[in-house]
Amino acid sequence: APLGLWECDLRQPVAICIGNETRGLGDRWRDARAIDY
């Protein structure tokens, strides 16, 4: 992801999404609302 964690505004209602230890999140959590960091 090009956006660093420190650049995210996390004061809003937020879900932190962590992926599989080997494969990460993949495409399953890619949608218009999601923010990658």
Full PDB file with SEQRES, HELIX, SHEET, SSBOND, CRYST1, ORIGX, SCALE, CONECT and MASTER records, all heavy atoms in Angstrom:
SEQRES   1 A   37  ALA PRO LEU GLY LEU TRP GLU CYS ASP LEU ARG GLN PRO          
SEQRES   2 A   37  VAL ALA ILE CYS ILE GLY ASN GLU THR ARG GLY LEU GLY          
SEQRES   3 A   37  ASP ARG TRP ARG ASP ALA ARG ALA ILE ASP TYR                  
HELIX    1 AA1 LEU A    5  GLU A    7  5                                   3    
CRYST1    1.000    1.000    1.000  90.00  90.00  90.00 P 1           1          
ORIGX1      1.000000  0.000000  0.000000        0.00000                         
ORIGX2      0.000000  1.000000  0.000000        0.00000                         
ORIGX3      0.000000  0.000000  1.000000        0.00000                         
SCALE1      1.000000  0.000000  0.000000        0.00000                         
SCALE2      0.000000  1.000000  0.000000        0.00000                         
SCALE3      0.000000  0.000000  1.000000        0.00000                         
ATOM      1  N   ALA A   1       0.825  -1.203   0.000  1.00  0.00           N  
ATOM      2  CA  ALA A   1       0.000   0.000   0.000  1.00  0.00           C  
ATOM      3  C   ALA A   1       0.868   1.265   0.000  1.00  0.00           C  
ATOM      4  O   ALA A   1       1.866   1.329   0.725  1.00  0.00           O  
ATOM      5  CB  ALA A   1      -0.923   0.008   1.207  1.00  0.00           C  
ATOM      6  N   PRO A   2       0.503   2.296  -0.786  1.00  0.00           N  
ATOM      7  CA  PRO A   2       1.293   3.523  -0.818  1.00  0.00           C  
ATOM      8  C   PRO A   2       1.059   4.438   0.386  1.00  0.00           C  
ATOM      9  O   PRO A   2       1.874   5.304   0.681  1.00  0.00           O  
ATOM     10  CB  PRO A   2       0.819   4.192  -2.110  1.00  0.00           C  
ATOM     11  CG  PRO A   2      -0.584   3.703  -2.300  1.00  0.00           C  
ATOM     12  CD  PRO A   2      -0.600   2.302  -1.768  1.00  0.00           C  
ATOM     13  N   LEU A   3      -0.066   4.246   1.075  1.00  0.00           N  
ATOM     14  CA  LEU A   3      -0.416   5.107   2.205  1.00  0.00           C  
ATOM     15  C   LEU A   3       0.125   4.514   3.502  1.00  0.00           C  
ATOM     16  O   LEU A   3      -0.107   3.341   3.814  1.00  0.00           O  
ATOM     17  CB  LEU A   3      -1.941   5.237   2.295  1.00  0.00           C  
ATOM     18  CG  LEU A   3      -2.498   6.173   3.371  1.00  0.00           C  
ATOM     19  CD1 LEU A   3      -2.171   7.629   3.033  1.00  0.00           C  
ATOM     20  CD2 LEU A   3      -4.002   5.981   3.509  1.00  0.00           C  
ATOM     21  N   GLY A   4       0.862   5.332   4.266  1.00  0.00           N  
ATOM     22  CA  GLY A   4       1.403   4.873   5.536  1.00  0.00           C  
ATOM     23  C   GLY A   4       0.365   4.941   6.651  1.00  0.00           C  
ATOM     24  O   GLY A   4      -0.563   5.761   6.603  1.00  0.00           O  
ATOM     25  N   LEU A   5       0.514   4.107   7.656  1.00  0.00           N  
ATOM     26  CA  LEU A   5      -0.418   4.076   8.781  1.00  0.00           C  
ATOM     27  C   LEU A   5      -0.556   5.437   9.434  1.00  0.00           C  
ATOM     28  O   LEU A   5      -1.651   5.869   9.789  1.00  0.00           O  
ATOM     29  CB  LEU A   5       0.053   3.046   9.816  1.00  0.00           C  
ATOM     30  CG  LEU A   5      -0.740   2.961  11.121  1.00  0.00           C  
ATOM     31  CD1 LEU A   5      -2.168   2.524  10.866  1.00  0.00           C  
ATOM     32  CD2 LEU A   5      -0.059   1.998  12.100  1.00  0.00           C  
ATOM     33  N   TRP A   6       0.571   6.156   9.579  1.00  0.00           N  
ATOM     34  CA  TRP A   6       0.539   7.447  10.271  1.00  0.00           C  
ATOM     35  C   TRP A   6      -0.247   8.500   9.489  1.00  0.00           C  
ATOM     36  O   TRP A   6      -0.608   9.529  10.043  1.00  0.00           O  
ATOM     37  CB  TRP A   6       1.952   7.978  10.521  1.00  0.00           C  
ATOM     38  CG  TRP A   6       3.007   6.944  10.770  1.00  0.00           C  
ATOM     39  CD1 TRP A   6       4.250   6.907  10.209  1.00  0.00           C  
ATOM     40  CD2 TRP A   6       2.964   5.819  11.658  1.00  0.00           C  
ATOM     41  NE1 TRP A   6       4.967   5.829  10.665  1.00  0.00           N  
ATOM     42  CE2 TRP A   6       4.202   5.136  11.562  1.00  0.00           C  
ATOM     43  CE3 TRP A   6       1.992   5.311  12.524  1.00  0.00           C  
ATOM     44  CZ2 TRP A   6       4.497   3.984  12.281  1.00  0.00           C  
ATOM     45  CZ3 TRP A   6       2.274   4.153  13.241  1.00  0.00           C  
ATOM     46  CH2 TRP A   6       3.513   3.514  13.122  1.00  0.00           C  
ATOM     47  N   GLU A   7      -0.496   8.251   8.195  1.00  0.00           N  
ATOM     48  CA  GLU A   7      -1.248   9.195   7.360  1.00  0.00           C  
ATOM     49  C   GLU A   7      -2.749   8.951   7.404  1.00  0.00           C  
ATOM     50  O   GLU A   7      -3.515   9.725   6.830  1.00  0.00           O  
ATOM     51  CB  GLU A   7      -0.762   9.088   5.913  1.00  0.00           C  
ATOM     52  CG  GLU A   7       0.721   9.366   5.727  1.00  0.00           C  
ATOM     53  CD  GLU A   7       1.186   9.065   4.310  1.00  0.00           C  
ATOM     54  OE1 GLU A   7       1.021   9.949   3.434  1.00  0.00           O  
ATOM     55  OE2 GLU A   7       1.680   7.936   4.070  1.00  0.00           O  
ATOM     56  N   CYS A   8      -3.174   7.888   8.034  1.00  0.00           N  
ATOM     57  CA  CYS A   8      -4.605   7.552   8.096  1.00  0.00           C  
ATOM     58  C   CYS A   8      -5.277   8.286   9.253  1.00  0.00           C  
ATOM     59  O   CYS A   8      -4.696   8.420  10.329  1.00  0.00           O  
ATOM     60  CB  CYS A   8      -4.791   6.047   8.289  1.00  0.00           C  
ATOM     61  SG  CYS A   8      -4.126   5.011   6.980  1.00  0.00           S  
ATOM     62  N   ASP A   9      -6.492   8.755   9.009  1.00  0.00           N  
ATOM     63  CA  ASP A   9      -7.294   9.335  10.083  1.00  0.00           C  
ATOM     64  C   ASP A   9      -8.091   8.202  10.716  1.00  0.00           C  
ATOM     65  O   ASP A   9      -9.077   7.716  10.155  1.00  0.00           O  
ATOM     66  CB  ASP A   9      -8.231  10.401   9.529  1.00  0.00           C  
ATOM     67  CG  ASP A   9      -9.017  11.111  10.621  1.00  0.00           C  
ATOM     68  OD1 ASP A   9      -8.937  10.673  11.794  1.00  0.00           O  
ATOM     69  OD2 ASP A   9      -9.713  12.093  10.315  1.00  0.00           O  
ATOM     70  N   LEU A  10      -7.679   7.794  11.893  1.00  0.00           N  
ATOM     71  CA  LEU A  10      -8.266   6.634  12.552  1.00  0.00           C  
ATOM     72  C   LEU A  10      -9.208   7.025  13.688  1.00  0.00           C  
ATOM     73  O   LEU A  10      -9.572   6.190  14.506  1.00  0.00           O  
ATOM     74  CB  LEU A  10      -7.151   5.728  13.082  1.00  0.00           C  
ATOM     75  CG  LEU A  10      -6.162   5.251  12.009  1.00  0.00           C  
ATOM     76  CD1 LEU A  10      -4.982   4.515  12.650  1.00  0.00           C  
ATOM     77  CD2 LEU A  10      -6.854   4.353  10.992  1.00  0.00           C  
ATOM     78  N   ARG A  11      -9.595   8.301  13.701  1.00  0.00           N  
ATOM     79  CA  ARG A  11     -10.532   8.759  14.726  1.00  0.00           C  
ATOM     80  C   ARG A  11     -11.966   8.450  14.338  1.00  0.00           C  
ATOM     81  O   ARG A  11     -12.856   8.429  15.189  1.00  0.00           O  
ATOM     82  CB  ARG A  11     -10.365  10.266  14.948  1.00  0.00           C  
ATOM     83  CG  ARG A  11      -8.997  10.657  15.485  1.00  0.00           C  
ATOM     84  CD  ARG A  11      -8.761  12.150  15.388  1.00  0.00           C  
ATOM     85  NE  ARG A  11      -8.712  12.575  13.999  1.00  0.00           N  
ATOM     86  CZ  ARG A  11      -8.563  13.842  13.613  1.00  0.00           C  
ATOM     87  NH1 ARG A  11      -8.473  14.797  14.530  1.00  0.00           N  
ATOM     88  NH2 ARG A  11      -8.518  14.153  12.334  1.00  0.00           N  
ATOM     89  N   GLN A  12     -12.232   8.226  13.062  1.00  0.00           N  
ATOM     90  CA  GLN A  12     -13.556   7.871  12.583  1.00  0.00           C  
ATOM     91  C   GLN A  12     -13.866   6.411  12.943  1.00  0.00           C  
ATOM     92  O   GLN A  12     -12.991   5.687  13.411  1.00  0.00           O  
ATOM     93  CB  GLN A  12     -13.592   8.039  11.065  1.00  0.00           C  
ATOM     94  CG  GLN A  12     -12.597   7.127  10.340  1.00  0.00           C  
ATOM     95  CD  GLN A  12     -12.540   7.372   8.867  1.00  0.00           C  
ATOM     96  OE1 GLN A  12     -13.567   7.436   8.211  1.00  0.00           O  
ATOM     97  NE2 GLN A  12     -11.339   7.522   8.316  1.00  0.00           N  
ATOM     98  N   PRO A  13     -15.112   5.957  12.736  1.00  0.00           N  
ATOM     99  CA  PRO A  13     -15.401   4.530  12.935  1.00  0.00           C  
ATOM    100  C   PRO A  13     -14.542   3.678  11.997  1.00  0.00           C  
ATOM    101  O   PRO A  13     -14.602   3.823  10.781  1.00  0.00           O  
ATOM    102  CB  PRO A  13     -16.888   4.426  12.585  1.00  0.00           C  
ATOM    103  CG  PRO A  13     -17.433   5.786  12.876  1.00  0.00           C  
ATOM    104  CD  PRO A  13     -16.338   6.739  12.481  1.00  0.00           C  
ATOM    105  N   VAL A  14     -13.717   2.816  12.556  1.00  0.00           N  
ATOM    106  CA  VAL A  14     -12.675   2.121  11.791  1.00  0.00           C  
ATOM    107  C   VAL A  14     -12.689   0.629  12.092  1.00  0.00           C  
ATOM    108  O   VAL A  14     -12.932   0.207  13.231  1.00  0.00           O  
ATOM    109  CB  VAL A  14     -11.281   2.707  12.141  1.00  0.00           C  
ATOM    110  CG1 VAL A  14     -10.153   1.775  11.722  1.00  0.00           C  
ATOM    111  CG2 VAL A  14     -11.099   4.066  11.485  1.00  0.00           C  
ATOM    112  N   ALA A  15     -12.397  -0.159  11.059  1.00  0.00           N  
ATOM    113  CA  ALA A  15     -12.095  -1.579  11.217  1.00  0.00           C  
ATOM    114  C   ALA A  15     -10.681  -1.809  10.705  1.00  0.00           C  
ATOM    115  O   ALA A  15     -10.371  -1.482   9.556  1.00  0.00           O  
ATOM    116  CB  ALA A  15     -13.085  -2.443  10.444  1.00  0.00           C  
ATOM    117  N   ILE A  16      -9.818  -2.327  11.552  1.00  0.00           N  
ATOM    118  CA  ILE A  16      -8.465  -2.701  11.148  1.00  0.00           C  
ATOM    119  C   ILE A  16      -8.510  -4.145  10.660  1.00  0.00           C  
ATOM    120  O   ILE A  16      -8.911  -5.048  11.404  1.00  0.00           O  
ATOM    121  CB  ILE A  16      -7.477  -2.564  12.322  1.00  0.00           C  
ATOM    122  CG1 ILE A  16      -7.349  -1.099  12.739  1.00  0.00           C  
ATOM    123  CG2 ILE A  16      -6.114  -3.143  11.949  1.00  0.00           C  
ATOM    124  CD1 ILE A  16      -6.752  -0.194  11.688  1.00  0.00           C  
ATOM    125  N   CYS A  17      -8.115  -4.360   9.396  1.00  0.00           N  
ATOM    126  CA  CYS A  17      -8.230  -5.677   8.775  1.00  0.00           C  
ATOM    127  C   CYS A  17      -6.839  -6.275   8.557  1.00  0.00           C  
ATOM    128  O   CYS A  17      -6.008  -5.677   7.857  1.00  0.00           O  
ATOM    129  CB  CYS A  17      -8.965  -5.579   7.438  1.00  0.00           C  
ATOM    130  SG  CYS A  17     -10.604  -4.813   7.566  1.00  0.00           S  
ATOM    131  N   ILE A  18      -6.608  -7.434   9.149  1.00  0.00           N  
ATOM    132  CA  ILE A  18      -5.324  -8.128   9.080  1.00  0.00           C  
ATOM    133  C   ILE A  18      -5.517  -9.448   8.344  1.00  0.00           C  
ATOM    134  O   ILE A  18      -6.451 -10.203   8.654  1.00  0.00           O  
ATOM    135  CB  ILE A  18      -4.757  -8.398  10.485  1.00  0.00           C  
ATOM    136  CG1 ILE A  18      -4.737  -7.110  11.325  1.00  0.00           C  
ATOM    137  CG2 ILE A  18      -3.369  -9.027  10.390  1.00  0.00           C  
ATOM    138  CD1 ILE A  18      -3.825  -6.035  10.794  1.00  0.00           C  
ATOM    139  N   GLY A  19      -4.635  -9.742   7.385  1.00  0.00           N  
ATOM    140  CA  GLY A  19      -4.810 -10.919   6.554  1.00  0.00           C  
ATOM    141  C   GLY A  19      -4.040 -12.140   7.007  1.00  0.00           C  
ATOM    142  O   GLY A  19      -3.314 -12.122   8.001  1.00  0.00           O  
ATOM    143  N   ASN A  20      -4.222 -13.188   6.252  1.00  0.00           N  
ATOM    144  CA  ASN A  20      -3.563 -14.471   6.462  1.00  0.00           C  
ATOM    145  C   ASN A  20      -2.049 -14.313   6.557  1.00  0.00           C  
ATOM    146  O   ASN A  20      -1.453 -13.499   5.851  1.00  0.00           O  
ATOM    147  CB  ASN A  20      -3.939 -15.396   5.295  1.00  0.00           C  
ATOM    148  CG  ASN A  20      -3.230 -16.714   5.310  1.00  0.00           C  
ATOM    149  OD1 ASN A  20      -2.119 -16.827   4.817  1.00  0.00           O  
ATOM    150  ND2 ASN A  20      -3.865 -17.723   5.864  1.00  0.00           N  
ATOM    151  N   GLU A  21      -1.417 -15.090   7.448  1.00  0.00           N  
ATOM    152  CA  GLU A  21       0.008 -14.965   7.725  1.00  0.00           C  
ATOM    153  C   GLU A  21       0.875 -15.135   6.478  1.00  0.00           C  
ATOM    154  O   GLU A  21       1.946 -14.536   6.366  1.00  0.00           O  
ATOM    155  CB  GLU A  21       0.433 -16.003   8.766  1.00  0.00           C  
ATOM    156  CG  GLU A  21      -0.124 -15.759  10.153  1.00  0.00           C  
ATOM    157  CD  GLU A  21      -1.408 -16.511  10.409  1.00  0.00           C  
ATOM    158  OE1 GLU A  21      -2.114 -16.865   9.421  1.00  0.00           O  
ATOM    159  OE2 GLU A  21      -1.742 -16.741  11.568  1.00  0.00           O  
ATOM    160  N   THR A  22       0.422 -15.944   5.519  1.00  0.00           N  
ATOM    161  CA  THR A  22       1.211 -16.217   4.317  1.00  0.00           C  
ATOM    162  C   THR A  22       0.761 -15.396   3.118  1.00  0.00           C  
ATOM    163  O   THR A  22       1.583 -14.824   2.396  1.00  0.00           O  
ATOM    164  CB  THR A  22       1.129 -17.716   3.949  1.00  0.00           C  
ATOM    165  OG1 THR A  22       1.569 -18.496   5.066  1.00  0.00           O  
ATOM    166  CG2 THR A  22       2.006 -18.028   2.748  1.00  0.00           C  
ATOM    167  N   ARG A  23      -0.552 -15.289   2.919  1.00  0.00           N  
ATOM    168  CA  ARG A  23      -1.090 -14.681   1.701  1.00  0.00           C  
ATOM    169  C   ARG A  23      -1.624 -13.268   1.892  1.00  0.00           C  
ATOM    170  O   ARG A  23      -1.957 -12.594   0.925  1.00  0.00           O  
ATOM    171  CB  ARG A  23      -2.197 -15.559   1.121  1.00  0.00           C  
ATOM    172  CG  ARG A  23      -1.730 -16.981   0.821  1.00  0.00           C  
ATOM    173  CD  ARG A  23      -2.881 -17.833   0.329  1.00  0.00           C  
ATOM    174  NE  ARG A  23      -2.471 -19.216   0.130  1.00  0.00           N  
ATOM    175  CZ  ARG A  23      -2.461 -20.135   1.083  1.00  0.00           C  
ATOM    176  NH1 ARG A  23      -2.843 -19.802   2.315  1.00  0.00           N  
ATOM    177  NH2 ARG A  23      -2.089 -21.373   0.845  1.00  0.00           N  
ATOM    178  N   GLY A  24      -1.732 -12.808   3.102  1.00  0.00           N  
ATOM    179  CA  GLY A  24      -2.287 -11.486   3.339  1.00  0.00           C  
ATOM    180  C   GLY A  24      -3.784 -11.455   3.091  1.00  0.00           C  
ATOM    181  O   GLY A  24      -4.468 -12.480   3.145  1.00  0.00           O  
ATOM    182  N   LEU A  25      -4.316 -10.283   2.773  1.00  0.00           N  
ATOM    183  CA  LEU A  25      -5.754 -10.121   2.571  1.00  0.00           C  
ATOM    184  C   LEU A  25      -6.217 -10.510   1.174  1.00  0.00           C  
ATOM    185  O   LEU A  25      -7.382 -10.816   0.959  1.00  0.00           O  
ATOM    186  CB  LEU A  25      -6.167  -8.666   2.848  1.00  0.00           C  
ATOM    187  CG  LEU A  25      -6.229  -8.261   4.314  1.00  0.00           C  
ATOM    188  CD1 LEU A  25      -6.382  -6.758   4.441  1.00  0.00           C  
ATOM    189  CD2 LEU A  25      -7.380  -8.964   5.028  1.00  0.00           C  
ATOM    190  N   GLY A  26      -5.332 -10.474   0.187  1.00  0.00           N  
ATOM    191  CA  GLY A  26      -5.744 -10.775  -1.175  1.00  0.00           C  
ATOM    192  C   GLY A  26      -6.755  -9.761  -1.683  1.00  0.00           C  
ATOM    193  O   GLY A  26      -6.784  -8.603  -1.262  1.00  0.00           O  
ATOM    194  N   ASP A  27      -7.626 -10.208  -2.584  1.00  0.00           N  
ATOM    195  CA  ASP A  27      -8.615  -9.304  -3.197  1.00  0.00           C  
ATOM    196  C   ASP A  27      -9.949  -9.327  -2.467  1.00  0.00           C  
ATOM    197  O   ASP A  27     -10.878  -8.616  -2.853  1.00  0.00           O  
ATOM    198  CB  ASP A  27      -8.842  -9.701  -4.664  1.00  0.00           C  
ATOM    199  CG  ASP A  27      -7.607  -9.461  -5.520  1.00  0.00           C  
ATOM    200  OD1 ASP A  27      -6.852  -8.522  -5.193  1.00  0.00           O  
ATOM    201  OD2 ASP A  27      -7.399 -10.208  -6.496  1.00  0.00           O  
ATOM    202  N   ARG A  28     -10.044 -10.130  -1.429  1.00  0.00           N  
ATOM    203  CA  ARG A  28     -11.322 -10.303  -0.754  1.00  0.00           C  
ATOM    204  C   ARG A  28     -11.804  -9.030  -0.069  1.00  0.00           C  
ATOM    205  O   ARG A  28     -13.000  -8.835   0.131  1.00  0.00           O  
ATOM    206  CB  ARG A  28     -11.203 -11.434   0.273  1.00  0.00           C  
ATOM    207  CG  ARG A  28     -11.000 -12.787  -0.357  1.00  0.00           C  
ATOM    208  CD  ARG A  28     -10.205 -13.735   0.539  1.00  0.00           C  
ATOM    209  NE  ARG A  28     -10.707 -13.837   1.898  1.00  0.00           N  
ATOM    210  CZ  ARG A  28     -11.628 -14.723   2.288  1.00  0.00           C  
ATOM    211  NH1 ARG A  28     -12.145 -15.553   1.412  1.00  0.00           N  
ATOM    212  NH2 ARG A  28     -12.015 -14.770   3.543  1.00  0.00           N  
ATOM    213  N   TRP A  29     -10.883  -8.156   0.312  1.00  0.00           N  
ATOM    214  CA  TRP A  29     -11.252  -6.930   0.999  1.00  0.00           C  
ATOM    215  C   TRP A  29     -10.999  -5.695   0.151  1.00  0.00           C  
ATOM    216  O   TRP A  29     -10.826  -4.602   0.676  1.00  0.00           O  
ATOM    217  CB  TRP A  29     -10.504  -6.820   2.327  1.00  0.00           C  
ATOM    218  CG  TRP A  29     -11.099  -7.690   3.384  1.00  0.00           C  
ATOM    219  CD1 TRP A  29     -10.734  -8.956   3.716  1.00  0.00           C  
ATOM    220  CD2 TRP A  29     -12.213  -7.356   4.218  1.00  0.00           C  
ATOM    221  NE1 TRP A  29     -11.534  -9.440   4.713  1.00  0.00           N  
ATOM    222  CE2 TRP A  29     -12.451  -8.483   5.050  1.00  0.00           C  
ATOM    223  CE3 TRP A  29     -13.028  -6.232   4.351  1.00  0.00           C  
ATOM    224  CZ2 TRP A  29     -13.480  -8.510   5.993  1.00  0.00           C  
ATOM    225  CZ3 TRP A  29     -14.033  -6.254   5.292  1.00  0.00           C  
ATOM    226  CH2 TRP A  29     -14.254  -7.377   6.105  1.00  0.00           C  
ATOM    227  N   ARG A  30     -11.012  -5.854  -1.161  1.00  0.00           N  
ATOM    228  CA  ARG A  30     -10.873  -4.695  -2.060  1.00  0.00           C  
ATOM    229  C   ARG A  30     -12.260  -4.214  -2.479  1.00  0.00           C  
ATOM    230  O   ARG A  30     -12.995  -4.911  -3.179  1.00  0.00           O  
ATOM    231  CB  ARG A  30     -10.062  -5.063  -3.301  1.00  0.00           C  
ATOM    232  CG  ARG A  30      -8.608  -5.401  -3.008  1.00  0.00           C  
ATOM    233  CD  ARG A  30      -7.781  -5.444  -4.269  1.00  0.00           C  
ATOM    234  NE  ARG A  30      -6.446  -5.964  -4.041  1.00  0.00           N  
ATOM    235  CZ  ARG A  30      -5.429  -5.239  -3.575  1.00  0.00           C  
ATOM    236  NH1 ARG A  30      -5.609  -3.965  -3.288  1.00  0.00           N  
ATOM    237  NH2 ARG A  30      -4.238  -5.794  -3.395  1.00  0.00           N  
ATOM    238  N   ASP A  31     -12.630  -3.026  -2.029  1.00  0.00           N  
ATOM    239  CA  ASP A  31     -13.864  -2.396  -2.499  1.00  0.00           C  
ATOM    240  C   ASP A  31     -13.700  -0.888  -2.397  1.00  0.00           C  
ATOM    241  O   ASP A  31     -12.679  -0.384  -1.933  1.00  0.00           O  
ATOM    242  CB  ASP A  31     -15.087  -2.896  -1.716  1.00  0.00           C  
ATOM    243  CG  ASP A  31     -15.037  -2.536  -0.235  1.00  0.00           C  
ATOM    244  OD1 ASP A  31     -14.715  -1.378   0.091  1.00  0.00           O  
ATOM    245  OD2 ASP A  31     -15.333  -3.411   0.599  1.00  0.00           O  
ATOM    246  N   ALA A  32     -14.718  -0.176  -2.833  1.00  0.00           N  
ATOM    247  CA  ALA A  32     -14.608   1.282  -2.932  1.00  0.00           C  
ATOM    248  C   ALA A  32     -14.450   1.945  -1.570  1.00  0.00           C  
ATOM    249  O   ALA A  32     -13.900   3.048  -1.468  1.00  0.00           O  
ATOM    250  CB  ALA A  32     -15.838   1.840  -3.649  1.00  0.00           C  
ATOM    251  N   ARG A  33     -14.923   1.300  -0.502  1.00  0.00           N  
ATOM    252  CA  ARG A  33     -14.869   1.905   0.819  1.00  0.00           C  
ATOM    253  C   ARG A  33     -13.544   1.650   1.534  1.00  0.00           C  
ATOM    254  O   ARG A  33     -13.143   2.408   2.406  1.00  0.00           O  
ATOM    255  CB  ARG A  33     -16.008   1.364   1.688  1.00  0.00           C  
ATOM    256  CG  ARG A  33     -17.402   1.675   1.176  1.00  0.00           C  
ATOM    257  CD  ARG A  33     -18.476   1.059   2.062  1.00  0.00           C  
ATOM    258  NE  ARG A  33     -18.397   1.594   3.416  1.00  0.00           N  
ATOM    259  CZ  ARG A  33     -17.977   0.910   4.467  1.00  0.00           C  
ATOM    260  NH1 ARG A  33     -17.566  -0.338   4.318  1.00  0.00           N  
ATOM    261  NH2 ARG A  33     -17.964   1.457   5.662  1.00  0.00           N  
ATOM    262  N   ALA A  34     -12.884   0.559   1.185  1.00  0.00           N  
ATOM    263  CA  ALA A  34     -11.695   0.145   1.930  1.00  0.00           C  
ATOM    264  C   ALA A  34     -10.506   1.061   1.666  1.00  0.00           C  
ATOM    265  O   ALA A  34     -10.301   1.535   0.538  1.00  0.00           O  
ATOM    266  CB  ALA A  34     -11.335  -1.295   1.573  1.00  0.00           C  
ATOM    267  N   ILE A  35      -9.729   1.299   2.698  1.00  0.00           N  
ATOM    268  CA  ILE A  35      -8.495   2.087   2.597  1.00  0.00           C  
ATOM    269  C   ILE A  35      -7.322   1.163   2.905  1.00  0.00           C  
ATOM    270  O   ILE A  35      -7.258   0.566   3.976  1.00  0.00           O  
ATOM    271  CB  ILE A  35      -8.516   3.272   3.586  1.00  0.00           C  
ATOM    272  CG1 ILE A  35      -9.642   4.234   3.221  1.00  0.00           C  
ATOM    273  CG2 ILE A  35      -7.166   3.988   3.606  1.00  0.00           C  
ATOM    274  CD1 ILE A  35      -9.827   5.364   4.220  1.00  0.00           C  
ATOM    275  N   ASP A  36      -6.412   1.049   1.940  1.00  0.00           N  
ATOM    276  CA  ASP A  36      -5.219   0.222   2.141  1.00  0.00           C  
ATOM    277  C   ASP A  36      -4.116   1.056   2.791  1.00  0.00           C  
ATOM    278  O   ASP A  36      -3.909   2.218   2.430  1.00  0.00           O  
ATOM    279  CB  ASP A  36      -4.714  -0.324   0.805  1.00  0.00           C  
ATOM    280  CG  ASP A  36      -5.675  -1.320   0.186  1.00  0.00           C  
ATOM    281  OD1 ASP A  36      -6.587  -1.791   0.889  1.00  0.00           O  
ATOM    282  OD2 ASP A  36      -5.518  -1.635  -1.016  1.00  0.00           O  
ATOM    283  N   TYR A  37      -3.405   0.470   3.725  1.00  0.00           N  
ATOM    284  CA  TYR A  37      -2.297   1.170   4.372  1.00  0.00           C  
ATOM    285  C   TYR A  37      -1.156   0.190   4.621  1.00  0.00           C  
ATOM    286  O   TYR A  37      -1.341  -1.035   4.635  1.00  0.00           O  
ATOM    287  CB  TYR A  37      -2.742   1.804   5.696  1.00  0.00           C  
ATOM    288  CG  TYR A  37      -2.953   0.798   6.807  1.00  0.00           C  
ATOM    289  CD1 TYR A  37      -1.906   0.453   7.679  1.00  0.00           C  
ATOM    290  CD2 TYR A  37      -4.188   0.172   7.003  1.00  0.00           C  
ATOM    291  CE1 TYR A  37      -2.090  -0.477   8.695  1.00  0.00           C  
ATOM    292  CE2 TYR A  37      -4.376  -0.757   8.014  1.00  0.00           C  
ATOM    293  CZ  TYR A  37      -3.323  -1.078   8.851  1.00  0.00           C  
ATOM    294  OH  TYR A  37      -3.496  -2.003   9.847  1.00  0.00           O  
TER     295      TYR A  37                                                      
MASTER        0    0    0    1    0    0    0    6  294    1    0    3          
END                                                                             
